[in-house]
Amino acid sequence: MSTTAQPARYVLSITIIGTLFFIFGFVTWLNGTLIPFLKLACDLKSDAQALLVTFAFYMAYFFLSIPSSFILQSTGFKRGMSIGLLVMAAGALLFIPAAYSRNFALFLTGLFVQGMGLSLLQTASNPYISIIGPIESAAKRISIMGICNKLAGALSPVILSAIVLQGAAELELQIASTTDTAAREVLLNSLAQRVVVPYGVMAVVLGLLAVMIFASPLPEIEMASEHVSETGATAKTSVLSFPHLLLGVICIFVYVGAEVMAGDVIGPYGKSMGISLDETKNFTSYTLISMVVGYIIGIFTIPRYLKQETALKISAIVGLLFATLAFVFTGYTSILFIALLGLANALMWPAIFPLAIDGLGKFTKIGSALLVMAISGGAIIPQLYGLMAQSMTTQQAFFWCVVPCYLYILFYAWRGYRVGRV
């Protein structure tokens, strides 16, 4: 299929991929609710343990992204996306026995399996949306996908927390004050089983979407000869021959780490400041709403007023500013600036991804897989925060985790994306 698809088919493709990005967002940003929920339901003793939620979910990208590229080579985009949805449905089903047994390890396994499915979906959909039109406007198309993603992400923690964390603060006090072991187990089992219905419904919906995607007229894109740069991508013998891609992999790693810090860690961060769980359970939604605002700005400014690399520079500088202000202030003001990091983060993925894969030619699929593998930054950096928070204040730990991330992103926007290219 040509990169300039027929208008009707182009719109259909954008709509289908937009639906997938909505699913990505809905499932991914449930973690912000699952962290306090599983800490309470599984009777975990620390935030560091609870943050294994993000570790299990995002580490799947590290292990499965490269295999995903080989799967896509044999299945193509459409069948690969269907398989990814079915794997995600299997992960959702694992939550049912995990809830009845109140087994934290089984919950983490379900999250890892969901991450496996998302890894395949991301490896397929991100290069697809980048290449289906002109590479110069890829950030604009990814921004549109980002709105689908983050609107779903803003909705999902509100919906899930309304089901599983209803009356959370009162329930937390009740569990803490119950001295009878049997009565306490009854309370915890009842709480854990609140996830059975929503995750059962999720599994059914994902399975139906897999069938719909498989039956859809979503066109394939042949990438072996697409977007070959003037430097001669066809002459390259390995994906490792592209320094701008390898630096982009690091950039995605630190970006996703910073994004997860602002989105998923904001709840435990607020709770450490004495804010009630009834309030902190919705903090993730505030970050994602600010990301939606950022995506809207991107749609109207890229590439008409801003180049992708310029938008990335501005975003990194804004991230540094808001992270510093979150450190300087305390309480709700500090929380506000962490939520506003969503605005800084919004245009980073839409800018980094197309800059990193531009000119890869036949190496686009494997290059995309490396970039998706770097999503594992969402596993590592929150764990680093959890460890640092044990020996310093949460504000200090947050600051020293995210500021180096934004500094590297600024380097990539300034120089990194051009390294090794004429």
Protein backbone atom coordinates (compact mmCIF):
# COMPACT_ATOMS: atom_id res chain seq x y z
CA MET A 1 0.00 0.00 0.00
CA SER A 2 1.25 3.48 -0.82
CA THR A 3 1.97 5.87 2.03
CA THR A 4 -0.58 8.15 0.44
CA ALA A 5 -3.57 5.86 0.85
CA GLN A 6 -6.92 6.53 -0.78
CA PRO A 7 -8.81 9.05 1.42
CA ALA A 8 -11.63 6.72 2.55
CA ARG A 9 -9.25 3.90 3.30
CA TYR A 10 -6.87 6.29 5.05
CA VAL A 11 -9.65 7.53 7.37
CA LEU A 12 -10.72 3.95 8.09
CA SER A 13 -7.16 2.97 8.95
CA ILE A 14 -6.76 5.98 11.26
CA THR A 15 -10.08 5.10 12.97
CA ILE A 16 -9.10 1.47 13.55
CA ILE A 17 -5.67 2.37 14.91
CA GLY A 18 -7.28 5.11 17.04
CA THR A 19 -9.51 2.45 18.59
CA LEU A 20 -6.44 0.38 19.41
CA PHE A 21 -4.73 3.37 21.02
CA PHE A 22 -7.87 3.87 23.12
CA ILE A 23 -7.49 0.27 24.31
CA PHE A 24 -3.78 0.82 25.05
CA GLY A 25 -4.62 3.80 27.22
CA PHE A 26 -7.51 2.18 29.04
CA VAL A 27 -5.51 -0.90 30.03
CA THR A 28 -2.15 0.82 30.65
CA TRP A 29 -3.41 3.53 32.97
CA LEU A 30 -5.40 1.14 35.14
CA ASN A 31 -2.05 0.62 36.90
CA GLY A 32 -2.49 3.93 38.74
CA THR A 33 -5.54 2.43 40.47
CA LEU A 34 -4.13 -1.08 40.81
CA ILE A 35 -1.11 0.13 42.80
CA PRO A 36 -3.11 1.31 45.88
CA PHE A 37 -5.77 -1.37 45.35
CA LEU A 38 -3.35 -4.31 45.36
CA LYS A 39 -1.33 -2.79 48.20
CA LEU A 40 -4.50 -2.88 50.29
CA ALA A 41 -6.11 -6.10 48.98
CA CYS A 42 -2.89 -8.16 49.04
CA ASP A 43 -1.82 -6.64 52.36
CA LEU A 44 1.51 -5.36 51.02
CA LYS A 45 3.82 -3.64 53.45
CA SER A 46 5.40 -0.90 51.30
CA ASP A 47 5.00 1.26 48.22
CA ALA A 48 8.10 -0.42 46.77
CA GLN A 49 6.21 -3.73 46.76
CA ALA A 50 3.11 -2.13 45.25
CA LEU A 51 5.22 -0.56 42.48
CA LEU A 52 5.97 -4.09 41.26
CA VAL A 53 2.67 -3.52 39.41
CA THR A 54 4.41 -1.19 36.98
CA PHE A 55 7.53 -3.40 36.97
CA ALA A 56 5.63 -6.53 35.88
CA PHE A 57 3.57 -4.66 33.30
CA TYR A 58 6.35 -2.70 31.60
CA MET A 59 9.04 -5.40 31.75
CA ALA A 60 6.92 -7.40 29.31
CA TYR A 61 7.90 -4.84 26.68
CA PHE A 62 11.59 -5.56 27.29
CA PHE A 63 11.23 -9.30 26.79
CA LEU A 64 8.59 -9.37 24.05
CA SER A 65 9.30 -6.45 21.73
CA ILE A 66 12.00 -8.14 19.63
CA PRO A 67 9.99 -11.40 19.34
CA SER A 68 7.01 -9.21 18.39
CA SER A 69 8.89 -7.87 15.37
CA PHE A 70 9.52 -11.42 14.14
CA ILE A 71 5.87 -12.35 14.76
CA LEU A 72 4.81 -9.35 12.67
CA GLN A 73 7.13 -10.36 9.86
CA SER A 74 5.22 -13.64 9.54
CA THR A 75 1.69 -12.49 10.43
CA GLY A 76 1.58 -8.95 9.05
CA PHE A 77 0.09 -6.01 10.92
CA LYS A 78 -3.57 -6.98 11.03
CA ARG A 79 -3.25 -10.57 12.25
CA GLY A 80 -0.50 -9.48 14.65
CA MET A 81 -2.82 -6.89 16.20
CA SER A 82 -5.55 -9.52 16.61
CA ILE A 83 -3.13 -11.88 18.34
CA GLY A 84 -2.04 -9.05 20.65
CA LEU A 85 -5.64 -8.39 21.69
CA LEU A 86 -6.21 -12.09 22.42
CA VAL A 87 -3.07 -12.20 24.60
CA MET A 88 -4.33 -9.15 26.50
CA ALA A 89 -7.69 -10.91 27.02
CA ALA A 90 -5.83 -13.90 28.50
CA GLY A 91 -4.02 -11.56 30.90
CA ALA A 92 -7.33 -10.04 32.01
CA LEU A 93 -8.76 -13.53 32.67
CA LEU A 94 -5.83 -14.30 35.01
CA PHE A 95 -7.14 -11.59 37.33
CA ILE A 96 -10.13 -13.80 38.18
CA PRO A 97 -8.22 -16.67 39.87
CA ALA A 98 -5.78 -14.08 41.28
CA ALA A 99 -8.68 -12.27 42.96
CA TYR A 100 -10.22 -15.43 44.43
CA SER A 101 -6.86 -16.62 45.78
CA ARG A 102 -5.69 -13.08 46.66
CA ASN A 103 -2.35 -14.02 45.14
CA PHE A 104 -0.18 -10.99 44.36
CA ALA A 105 2.21 -13.03 42.19
CA LEU A 106 -0.71 -14.19 40.02
CA PHE A 107 -1.92 -10.59 39.69
CA LEU A 108 1.59 -9.65 38.52
CA THR A 109 1.54 -12.56 36.05
CA GLY A 110 -1.75 -11.26 34.60
CA LEU A 111 -0.20 -7.81 34.25
CA PHE A 112 2.88 -9.29 32.54
CA VAL A 113 0.68 -11.19 30.07
CA GLN A 114 -1.29 -8.03 29.32
CA GLY A 115 2.02 -6.26 28.74
CA MET A 116 2.97 -9.04 26.30
CA GLY A 117 -0.14 -8.38 24.24
CA LEU A 118 0.39 -4.64 24.35
CA SER A 119 4.00 -5.10 23.26
CA LEU A 120 2.84 -6.80 20.07
CA LEU A 121 0.15 -4.17 19.50
CA GLN A 122 2.53 -1.27 20.08
CA THR A 123 5.22 -2.77 17.84
CA ALA A 124 2.66 -2.94 15.04
CA SER A 125 0.63 0.23 15.51
CA ASN A 126 3.30 2.87 16.15
CA PRO A 127 5.27 2.42 12.91
CA TYR A 128 1.96 1.90 11.09
CA ILE A 129 0.59 5.29 12.12
CA SER A 130 4.00 6.92 11.49
CA ILE A 131 4.36 5.56 7.96
CA ILE A 132 0.77 5.59 6.69
CA GLY A 133 1.24 9.28 5.80
CA PRO A 134 4.11 11.77 5.33
CA ILE A 135 6.84 11.34 7.96
CA GLU A 136 6.92 15.14 8.51
CA SER A 137 3.39 15.03 9.96
CA ALA A 138 3.82 11.77 11.86
CA ALA A 139 3.89 13.61 15.21
CA LYS A 140 0.52 15.14 14.36
CA ARG A 141 -1.01 11.73 13.63
CA ILE A 142 0.53 10.23 16.77
CA SER A 143 -0.85 13.20 18.73
CA ILE A 144 -4.34 12.30 17.50
CA MET A 145 -3.67 8.72 18.63
CA GLY A 146 -2.41 10.14 21.92
CA ILE A 147 -5.73 11.87 22.55
CA CYS A 148 -7.50 8.53 22.08
CA ASN A 149 -4.95 6.92 24.40
CA LYS A 150 -5.00 9.48 27.18
CA LEU A 151 -8.76 10.12 27.13
CA ALA A 152 -9.13 6.40 27.77
CA GLY A 153 -6.38 6.68 30.36
CA ALA A 154 -8.17 9.52 32.13
CA LEU A 155 -11.41 7.52 32.20
CA SER A 156 -10.03 4.11 33.22
CA PRO A 157 -8.72 4.93 36.75
CA VAL A 158 -11.93 6.83 37.53
CA ILE A 159 -14.09 3.91 36.38
CA LEU A 160 -12.02 1.20 38.06
CA SER A 161 -11.49 3.13 41.29
CA ALA A 162 -15.25 3.75 41.52
CA ILE A 163 -15.69 -0.03 41.46
CA VAL A 164 -12.73 -1.37 43.43
CA LEU A 165 -11.81 1.56 45.70
CA GLN A 166 -15.24 2.79 46.67
CA GLY A 167 -15.04 4.00 50.27
CA ALA A 168 -11.33 3.23 50.18
CA ALA A 169 -10.20 5.43 53.09
CA GLU A 170 -12.88 4.04 55.43
CA LEU A 171 -12.12 0.48 54.34
CA GLU A 172 -8.40 1.03 54.87
CA LEU A 173 -9.04 2.16 58.46
CA GLN A 174 -11.43 -0.75 59.03
CA ILE A 175 -8.85 -3.31 57.84
CA ALA A 176 -6.09 -1.68 59.91
CA SER A 177 -8.23 -1.68 63.08
CA THR A 178 -9.54 -5.24 62.77
CA THR A 179 -7.60 -7.50 65.11
CA ASP A 180 -9.52 -10.72 64.45
CA THR A 181 -7.57 -12.59 61.75
CA ALA A 182 -10.61 -14.34 60.24
CA ALA A 183 -12.65 -11.13 60.06
CA ARG A 184 -9.70 -9.34 58.47
CA GLU A 185 -9.34 -12.09 55.85
CA VAL A 186 -13.04 -11.76 54.98
CA LEU A 187 -12.63 -8.01 54.42
CA LEU A 188 -9.53 -8.48 52.27
CA ASN A 189 -11.06 -11.31 50.21
CA SER A 190 -14.19 -9.26 49.58
CA LEU A 191 -12.07 -6.31 48.45
CA ALA A 192 -9.87 -8.43 46.14
CA GLN A 193 -12.90 -9.95 44.41
CA ARG A 194 -14.12 -6.52 43.33
CA VAL A 195 -11.90 -6.84 40.23
CA VAL A 196 -13.56 -10.05 38.98
CA VAL A 197 -16.42 -8.44 37.06
CA PRO A 198 -14.50 -5.52 35.45
CA TYR A 199 -11.65 -7.75 34.29
CA GLY A 200 -14.05 -10.45 33.09
CA VAL A 201 -15.85 -7.83 31.00
CA MET A 202 -12.49 -6.54 29.75
CA ALA A 203 -11.49 -10.03 28.57
CA VAL A 204 -14.73 -10.39 26.58
CA VAL A 205 -14.38 -6.95 24.98
CA LEU A 206 -10.74 -7.58 24.01
CA GLY A 207 -11.68 -10.94 22.48
CA LEU A 208 -14.45 -9.34 20.41
CA LEU A 209 -12.10 -6.58 19.24
CA ALA A 210 -9.58 -9.20 18.14
CA VAL A 211 -12.21 -10.77 15.90
CA MET A 212 -13.30 -7.37 14.56
CA ILE A 213 -9.72 -6.32 13.72
CA PHE A 214 -9.07 -9.64 11.97
CA ALA A 215 -12.22 -9.20 9.85
CA SER A 216 -11.56 -5.50 9.11
CA PRO A 217 -10.23 -4.17 5.77
CA LEU A 218 -7.17 -2.68 7.49
CA PRO A 219 -4.52 -2.49 4.73
CA GLU A 220 -0.98 -3.79 5.05
CA ILE A 221 2.01 -1.50 4.50
CA GLU A 222 5.18 -2.79 2.89
CA MET A 223 8.07 -1.16 4.70
CA ALA A 224 11.07 -2.75 3.05
CA SER A 225 11.51 0.20 0.71
CA GLU A 226 9.72 2.93 2.60
CA HIS A 227 11.37 6.10 3.85
CA VAL A 228 14.91 5.39 2.76
CA SER A 229 16.93 8.45 3.64
CA GLU A 230 19.49 10.14 1.45
CA THR A 231 22.25 8.56 3.55
CA GLY A 232 21.29 5.20 2.04
CA ALA A 233 19.50 3.00 4.53
CA THR A 234 19.57 0.21 1.97
CA ALA A 235 23.36 0.08 2.29
CA LYS A 236 23.19 -0.59 6.03
CA THR A 237 23.68 -4.18 7.16
CA SER A 238 22.24 -3.94 10.69
CA VAL A 239 19.72 -1.94 12.66
CA LEU A 240 22.62 -1.16 15.03
CA SER A 241 24.15 0.94 12.22
CA PHE A 242 21.75 3.80 12.99
CA PRO A 243 23.07 5.87 15.96
CA HIS A 244 20.05 8.17 15.93
CA LEU A 245 17.84 5.11 16.52
CA LEU A 246 19.96 3.77 19.38
CA LEU A 247 19.98 7.16 21.09
CA GLY A 248 16.22 7.25 20.47
CA VAL A 249 15.84 3.93 22.30
CA ILE A 250 17.44 5.50 25.39
CA CYS A 251 15.22 8.55 24.92
CA ILE A 252 12.06 6.42 24.89
CA PHE A 253 13.33 4.57 27.99
CA VAL A 254 13.74 7.72 30.07
CA TYR A 255 10.61 9.37 28.62
CA VAL A 256 8.34 6.45 29.55
CA GLY A 257 9.95 6.34 32.99
CA ALA A 258 9.13 10.02 33.50
CA GLU A 259 5.62 9.55 32.14
CA VAL A 260 4.88 6.64 34.49
CA MET A 261 6.30 8.63 37.41
CA ALA A 262 3.88 11.48 36.66
CA GLY A 263 0.92 9.19 35.95
CA ASP A 264 1.17 6.14 38.22
CA VAL A 265 3.42 7.30 41.06
CA ILE A 266 1.47 10.52 41.68
CA GLY A 267 -1.02 8.62 43.87
CA PRO A 268 1.51 7.09 46.32
CA TYR A 269 3.39 10.43 46.20
CA GLY A 270 0.26 12.29 47.34
CA LYS A 271 -0.51 9.68 50.01
CA SER A 272 3.01 10.12 51.42
CA MET A 273 2.06 13.76 52.00
CA GLY A 274 -0.92 12.73 54.11
CA ILE A 275 -3.61 13.09 51.42
CA SER A 276 -6.49 10.61 51.75
CA LEU A 277 -6.72 7.54 49.47
CA ASP A 278 -10.23 8.72 48.50
CA GLU A 279 -8.52 11.68 46.80
CA THR A 280 -5.24 10.17 45.59
CA LYS A 281 -7.01 7.33 43.73
CA ASN A 282 -8.03 9.85 41.03
CA PHE A 283 -4.72 11.74 40.72
CA THR A 284 -3.65 9.71 37.66
CA SER A 285 -6.62 11.13 35.75
CA TYR A 286 -5.42 14.70 36.38
CA THR A 287 -2.05 13.93 34.79
CA LEU A 288 -3.72 12.33 31.77
CA ILE A 289 -6.12 15.24 31.30
CA SER A 290 -3.13 17.58 31.09
CA MET A 291 -1.61 15.20 28.52
CA VAL A 292 -4.75 15.46 26.39
CA VAL A 293 -4.32 19.25 26.41
CA GLY A 294 -0.73 18.75 25.23
CA TYR A 295 -1.84 16.47 22.39
CA ILE A 296 -4.41 19.02 21.24
CA ILE A 297 -1.66 21.65 21.13
CA GLY A 298 0.44 19.24 19.05
CA ILE A 299 -2.32 18.64 16.53
CA PHE A 300 -2.67 22.34 15.81
CA THR A 301 1.03 23.25 15.86
CA ILE A 302 2.92 20.30 14.27
CA PRO A 303 4.21 20.59 11.59
CA ARG A 304 2.60 23.89 10.62
CA TYR A 305 4.20 26.03 13.33
CA LEU A 306 6.64 23.67 15.06
CA LYS A 307 8.97 21.00 13.80
CA GLN A 308 8.90 17.72 15.72
CA GLU A 309 12.35 18.30 17.18
CA THR A 310 11.42 21.85 18.28
CA ALA A 311 8.32 20.55 20.05
CA LEU A 312 10.51 18.00 21.80
CA LYS A 313 12.95 20.69 22.99
CA ILE A 314 10.14 22.82 24.39
CA SER A 315 8.56 19.78 26.08
CA ALA A 316 11.84 18.81 27.78
CA ILE A 317 12.38 22.36 29.08
CA VAL A 318 8.81 22.52 30.40
CA GLY A 319 9.32 19.13 32.07
CA LEU A 320 12.44 20.39 33.84
CA LEU A 321 10.56 23.50 35.01
CA PHE A 322 7.53 21.64 36.38
CA ALA A 323 9.67 18.94 38.05
CA THR A 324 11.65 21.68 39.82
CA LEU A 325 8.48 23.47 40.95
CA ALA A 326 7.04 20.18 42.24
CA PHE A 327 10.20 19.86 44.34
CA VAL A 328 10.11 23.47 45.61
CA PHE A 329 6.46 23.40 46.70
CA THR A 330 4.60 20.95 48.93
CA GLY A 331 1.11 19.51 49.33
CA TYR A 332 -1.50 20.10 46.66
CA THR A 333 0.69 22.63 44.83
CA SER A 334 3.41 20.00 44.41
CA ILE A 335 0.77 17.54 43.18
CA LEU A 336 -0.47 20.14 40.69
CA PHE A 337 2.96 20.49 39.09
CA ILE A 338 3.38 16.71 38.87
CA ALA A 339 -0.01 16.50 37.13
CA LEU A 340 1.14 19.28 34.78
CA LEU A 341 4.08 17.11 33.79
CA GLY A 342 1.48 15.41 31.63
CA LEU A 343 1.44 18.56 29.51
CA ALA A 344 5.23 18.37 29.13
CA ASN A 345 5.17 14.64 28.36
CA ALA A 346 2.37 14.71 25.80
CA LEU A 347 4.39 15.52 22.68
CA MET A 348 7.44 13.45 23.57
CA TRP A 349 6.41 10.06 22.22
CA PRO A 350 4.85 11.63 19.08
CA ALA A 351 8.14 13.42 18.39
CA ILE A 352 10.71 10.83 19.50
CA PHE A 353 9.26 7.82 17.68
CA PRO A 354 9.16 9.24 14.12
CA LEU A 355 12.54 10.98 14.59
CA ALA A 356 14.07 7.68 15.67
CA ILE A 357 12.62 5.48 12.88
CA ASP A 358 13.05 8.01 10.07
CA GLY A 359 15.32 6.60 7.36
CA LEU A 360 15.43 3.00 8.64
CA GLY A 361 13.92 1.54 5.48
CA LYS A 362 13.79 -2.28 5.70
CA PHE A 363 14.89 -2.07 9.35
CA THR A 364 11.74 -0.17 10.40
CA LYS A 365 10.03 -3.14 12.06
CA ILE A 366 13.03 -4.18 14.12
CA GLY A 367 13.81 -0.53 14.91
CA SER A 368 10.25 -0.08 16.10
CA ALA A 369 10.62 -3.19 18.25
CA LEU A 370 13.73 -1.73 19.92
CA LEU A 371 11.85 1.48 20.65
CA VAL A 372 8.88 -0.41 22.08
CA MET A 373 11.30 -2.53 24.16
CA ALA A 374 12.48 0.74 25.72
CA ILE A 375 9.00 1.18 27.23
CA SER A 376 10.54 -0.96 29.98
CA GLY A 377 11.75 2.38 31.38
CA GLY A 378 8.29 2.42 32.97
CA ALA A 379 9.36 -0.63 34.96
CA ILE A 380 12.84 0.45 36.04
CA ILE A 381 12.54 4.13 36.93
CA PRO A 382 9.56 3.78 39.35
CA GLN A 383 11.46 0.95 41.07
CA LEU A 384 14.44 3.27 41.40
CA TYR A 385 12.11 5.86 42.92
CA GLY A 386 10.76 3.28 45.40
CA LEU A 387 14.29 2.43 46.54
CA MET A 388 15.39 6.08 46.79
CA ALA A 389 12.26 7.04 48.73
CA GLN A 390 13.37 4.69 51.52
CA SER A 391 16.46 6.82 52.22
CA MET A 392 15.23 10.34 51.34
CA THR A 393 11.96 12.25 51.11
CA THR A 394 9.50 11.35 48.35
CA GLN A 395 9.98 14.83 46.85
CA GLN A 396 13.75 14.38 46.67
CA ALA A 397 13.41 10.90 45.20
CA PHE A 398 10.93 12.11 42.58
CA PHE A 399 13.13 15.05 41.60
CA TRP A 400 16.31 12.99 41.19
CA CYS A 401 14.46 10.36 39.17
CA VAL A 402 12.78 12.59 36.60
CA VAL A 403 15.18 15.52 36.12
CA PRO A 404 17.94 13.39 34.51
CA CYS A 405 15.27 11.97 32.21
CA TYR A 406 14.26 15.39 30.95
CA LEU A 407 17.89 16.45 30.54
CA TYR A 408 18.56 13.49 28.26
CA ILE A 409 15.38 14.16 26.27
CA LEU A 410 16.58 17.74 25.77
CA PHE A 411 19.92 16.40 24.47
CA TYR A 412 18.13 14.11 22.00
CA ALA A 413 15.95 16.94 20.74
CA TRP A 414 18.98 19.22 20.40
CA ARG A 415 21.51 16.88 18.89
CA GLY A 416 20.83 13.17 19.42
CA TYR A 417 18.30 12.65 16.62
CA ARG A 418 20.90 13.89 14.08
CA VAL A 419 23.85 11.75 15.22
CA GLY A 420 25.17 9.59 12.38
CA ARG A 421 23.03 11.34 9.77
CA VAL A 422 24.11 13.80 7.08
